[in-house]
Amino acid sequence: MSIGEACCQRIHELCDERKISINHLSIICGITQSTLSNITSGRSKNPTISTIKKICDGLEITLLEFFNSEIFLSLEQEIK
């Protein structure tokens, strides 16, 4: 799994936990719907850390809480 796929999966997981839609998340994060849609659909392969931080701020969690998930334990080696 790549970092982009893991972030996508984690965002969906967090939205499901809070019972909110991706569209609602874009509103509370101040991220355009298209940007968030590109991340959560996998079209954007590498979301920036500043975008992830905005998502965390909207969800009222820390970056540590975002990345503290089993999802990130199975990441592929990026340098080959």
N, C-alpha and C. Protein backbone atom coordinates (compact mmCIF):
# COMPACT_ATOMS: atom_id res chain seq x y z
N MET A 1 0.85 -1.17 0.00
CA MET A 1 0.00 0.00 0.00
C MET A 1 0.89 1.24 0.00
N SER A 2 0.54 2.23 -0.80
CA SER A 2 1.29 3.48 -0.86
C SER A 2 0.78 4.46 0.20
N ILE A 3 1.53 5.52 0.43
CA ILE A 3 1.12 6.53 1.41
C ILE A 3 -0.19 7.21 0.98
N GLY A 4 -0.35 7.43 -0.31
CA GLY A 4 -1.59 8.03 -0.82
C GLY A 4 -2.79 7.15 -0.55
N GLU A 5 -2.63 5.85 -0.80
CA GLU A 5 -3.72 4.90 -0.54
C GLU A 5 -4.04 4.82 0.95
N ALA A 6 -2.99 4.85 1.77
CA ALA A 6 -3.19 4.79 3.21
C ALA A 6 -3.92 6.03 3.72
N CYS A 7 -3.54 7.20 3.23
CA CYS A 7 -4.22 8.44 3.63
C CYS A 7 -5.68 8.42 3.19
N CYS A 8 -5.92 7.96 1.99
CA CYS A 8 -7.28 7.83 1.47
C CYS A 8 -8.12 6.94 2.39
N GLN A 9 -7.58 5.80 2.71
CA GLN A 9 -8.27 4.84 3.57
C GLN A 9 -8.51 5.41 4.96
N ARG A 10 -7.52 6.13 5.50
CA ARG A 10 -7.65 6.70 6.84
C ARG A 10 -8.71 7.80 6.87
N ILE A 11 -8.77 8.63 5.84
CA ILE A 11 -9.79 9.68 5.78
C ILE A 11 -11.18 9.05 5.76
N HIS A 12 -11.36 8.02 4.95
CA HIS A 12 -12.66 7.33 4.91
C HIS A 12 -13.00 6.74 6.28
N GLU A 13 -12.01 6.15 6.92
CA GLU A 13 -12.21 5.55 8.25
C GLU A 13 -12.66 6.62 9.26
N LEU A 14 -12.00 7.76 9.26
CA LEU A 14 -12.34 8.83 10.19
C LEU A 14 -13.73 9.42 9.91
N CYS A 15 -14.07 9.55 8.63
CA CYS A 15 -15.41 10.03 8.28
C CYS A 15 -16.48 9.03 8.71
N ASP A 16 -16.22 7.75 8.51
CA ASP A 16 -17.17 6.72 8.93
C ASP A 16 -17.36 6.75 10.44
N GLU A 17 -16.27 6.90 11.20
CA GLU A 17 -16.37 6.96 12.66
C GLU A 17 -17.23 8.12 13.12
N ARG A 18 -17.14 9.24 12.41
CA ARG A 18 -17.87 10.44 12.79
C ARG A 18 -19.22 10.58 12.08
N LYS A 19 -19.48 9.63 11.19
CA LYS A 19 -20.72 9.63 10.41
C LYS A 19 -20.90 10.94 9.63
N ILE A 20 -19.82 11.34 8.95
CA ILE A 20 -19.89 12.52 8.09
C ILE A 20 -19.46 12.13 6.68
N SER A 21 -19.93 12.89 5.72
CA SER A 21 -19.59 12.63 4.32
C SER A 21 -18.27 13.33 3.98
N ILE A 22 -17.69 12.91 2.88
CA ILE A 22 -16.49 13.56 2.37
C ILE A 22 -16.80 15.03 2.05
N ASN A 23 -17.98 15.30 1.51
CA ASN A 23 -18.37 16.68 1.20
C ASN A 23 -18.43 17.53 2.47
N HIS A 24 -18.99 16.98 3.53
CA HIS A 24 -19.06 17.71 4.79
C HIS A 24 -17.66 17.94 5.34
N LEU A 25 -16.80 16.95 5.22
CA LEU A 25 -15.42 17.09 5.67
C LEU A 25 -14.74 18.24 4.93
N SER A 26 -14.96 18.36 3.64
CA SER A 26 -14.34 19.45 2.87
C SER A 26 -14.78 20.80 3.40
N ILE A 27 -16.02 20.92 3.82
CA ILE A 27 -16.54 22.18 4.35
C ILE A 27 -15.87 22.52 5.68
N ILE A 28 -15.81 21.54 6.60
CA ILE A 28 -15.26 21.84 7.92
C ILE A 28 -13.73 22.00 7.90
N CYS A 29 -13.09 21.49 6.85
CA CYS A 29 -11.63 21.60 6.73
C CYS A 29 -11.20 22.82 5.93
N GLY A 30 -12.11 23.39 5.17
CA GLY A 30 -11.73 24.49 4.31
C GLY A 30 -10.93 24.06 3.10
N ILE A 31 -11.15 22.83 2.69
CA ILE A 31 -10.48 22.27 1.50
C ILE A 31 -11.54 22.16 0.42
N THR A 32 -11.17 22.46 -0.81
CA THR A 32 -12.16 22.35 -1.88
C THR A 32 -12.63 20.91 -2.03
N GLN A 33 -13.87 20.78 -2.44
CA GLN A 33 -14.44 19.45 -2.64
C GLN A 33 -13.63 18.66 -3.65
N SER A 34 -13.17 19.33 -4.69
CA SER A 34 -12.42 18.62 -5.72
C SER A 34 -11.08 18.09 -5.19
N THR A 35 -10.41 18.88 -4.36
CA THR A 35 -9.14 18.42 -3.78
C THR A 35 -9.36 17.20 -2.91
N LEU A 36 -10.34 17.28 -2.02
CA LEU A 36 -10.61 16.16 -1.12
C LEU A 36 -11.10 14.94 -1.91
N SER A 37 -11.90 15.18 -2.92
CA SER A 37 -12.39 14.09 -3.76
C SER A 37 -11.23 13.40 -4.48
N ASN A 38 -10.28 14.19 -4.96
CA ASN A 38 -9.10 13.62 -5.63
C ASN A 38 -8.27 12.76 -4.67
N ILE A 39 -8.17 13.20 -3.43
CA ILE A 39 -7.41 12.43 -2.44
C ILE A 39 -8.15 11.14 -2.11
N THR A 40 -9.44 11.25 -1.83
CA THR A 40 -10.20 10.09 -1.35
C THR A 40 -10.58 9.10 -2.45
N SER A 41 -10.43 9.52 -3.69
CA SER A 41 -10.70 8.59 -4.79
C SER A 41 -9.41 7.95 -5.31
N GLY A 42 -8.28 8.45 -4.83
CA GLY A 42 -7.00 7.90 -5.26
C GLY A 42 -6.40 8.59 -6.46
N ARG A 43 -7.07 9.62 -7.00
CA ARG A 43 -6.51 10.35 -8.14
C ARG A 43 -5.28 11.16 -7.73
N SER A 44 -5.29 11.66 -6.50
CA SER A 44 -4.13 12.37 -5.96
C SER A 44 -3.31 11.35 -5.18
N LYS A 45 -2.16 11.03 -5.69
CA LYS A 45 -1.35 9.94 -5.12
C LYS A 45 -0.57 10.35 -3.87
N ASN A 46 -0.26 11.63 -3.73
CA ASN A 46 0.56 12.10 -2.62
C ASN A 46 0.00 13.39 -2.03
N PRO A 47 -0.96 13.29 -1.14
CA PRO A 47 -1.48 14.51 -0.51
C PRO A 47 -0.39 15.18 0.32
N THR A 48 -0.38 16.50 0.33
CA THR A 48 0.65 17.22 1.08
C THR A 48 0.35 17.14 2.57
N ILE A 49 1.39 17.32 3.36
CA ILE A 49 1.21 17.29 4.81
C ILE A 49 0.36 18.48 5.26
N SER A 50 0.43 19.60 4.55
CA SER A 50 -0.40 20.75 4.92
C SER A 50 -1.88 20.45 4.67
N THR A 51 -2.19 19.69 3.64
CA THR A 51 -3.57 19.28 3.40
C THR A 51 -4.04 18.30 4.47
N ILE A 52 -3.18 17.36 4.83
CA ILE A 52 -3.52 16.42 5.90
C ILE A 52 -3.73 17.17 7.21
N LYS A 53 -2.91 18.20 7.46
CA LYS A 53 -3.06 19.01 8.67
C LYS A 53 -4.40 19.73 8.69
N LYS A 54 -4.85 20.25 7.55
CA LYS A 54 -6.16 20.90 7.46
C LYS A 54 -7.27 19.90 7.77
N ILE A 55 -7.12 18.68 7.27
CA ILE A 55 -8.10 17.63 7.56
C ILE A 55 -8.13 17.35 9.06
N CYS A 56 -6.95 17.24 9.64
CA CYS A 56 -6.86 17.01 11.09
C CYS A 56 -7.51 18.15 11.87
N ASP A 57 -7.25 19.39 11.47
CA ASP A 57 -7.84 20.54 12.14
C ASP A 57 -9.36 20.49 12.06
N GLY A 58 -9.87 20.16 10.89
CA GLY A 58 -11.33 20.06 10.72
C GLY A 58 -11.94 18.96 11.57
N LEU A 59 -11.21 17.87 11.73
CA LEU A 59 -11.69 16.74 12.53
C LEU A 59 -11.34 16.89 14.01
N GLU A 60 -10.60 17.96 14.32
CA GLU A 60 -10.16 18.24 15.69
C GLU A 60 -9.33 17.09 16.27
N ILE A 61 -8.37 16.65 15.43
CA ILE A 61 -7.41 15.64 15.87
C ILE A 61 -6.01 16.15 15.53
N THR A 62 -5.01 15.51 16.11
CA THR A 62 -3.63 15.88 15.82
C THR A 62 -3.12 15.05 14.64
N LEU A 63 -2.00 15.49 14.09
CA LEU A 63 -1.35 14.69 13.05
C LEU A 63 -0.98 13.31 13.60
N LEU A 64 -0.54 13.28 14.84
CA LEU A 64 -0.18 12.01 15.47
C LEU A 64 -1.39 11.07 15.50
N GLU A 65 -2.55 11.61 15.85
CA GLU A 65 -3.76 10.78 15.87
C GLU A 65 -4.13 10.30 14.46
N PHE A 66 -3.92 11.15 13.47
CA PHE A 66 -4.22 10.75 12.09
C PHE A 66 -3.34 9.57 11.68
N PHE A 67 -2.05 9.68 11.94
CA PHE A 67 -1.11 8.65 11.49
C PHE A 67 -1.00 7.46 12.45
N ASN A 68 -1.62 7.55 13.61
CA ASN A 68 -1.59 6.46 14.58
C ASN A 68 -2.68 5.44 14.23
N SER A 69 -2.42 4.68 13.19
CA SER A 69 -3.40 3.71 12.69
C SER A 69 -2.66 2.51 12.10
N GLU A 70 -3.26 1.37 12.21
CA GLU A 70 -2.70 0.15 11.63
C GLU A 70 -2.47 0.30 10.12
N ILE A 71 -3.26 1.15 9.50
CA ILE A 71 -3.17 1.36 8.05
C ILE A 71 -1.75 1.73 7.64
N PHE A 72 -1.09 2.53 8.45
CA PHE A 72 0.23 3.04 8.08
C PHE A 72 1.36 2.06 8.40
N LEU A 73 1.04 0.93 9.00
CA LEU A 73 2.07 -0.07 9.30
C LEU A 73 2.44 -0.93 8.10
N SER A 74 1.57 -0.94 7.10
CA SER A 74 1.81 -1.80 5.94
C SER A 74 2.21 -1.02 4.69
N LEU A 75 2.84 0.12 4.88
CA LEU A 75 3.24 0.94 3.73
C LEU A 75 4.38 0.29 2.98
N GLU A 76 4.35 0.48 1.66
CA GLU A 76 5.41 -0.02 0.81
C GLU A 76 6.65 0.86 0.97
N GLN A 77 7.80 0.30 0.70
CA GLN A 77 9.05 1.05 0.69
C GLN A 77 8.97 2.06 -0.46
N GLU A 78 9.20 3.33 -0.17
CA GLU A 78 9.12 4.37 -1.21
C GLU A 78 10.40 4.47 -2.03
N ILE A 79 11.54 4.19 -1.39
CA ILE A 79 12.82 4.25 -2.10
C ILE A 79 13.19 2.86 -2.55
N LYS A 80 13.43 2.71 -3.84
CA LYS A 80 13.74 1.38 -4.37
C LYS A 80 15.04 1.41 -5.12
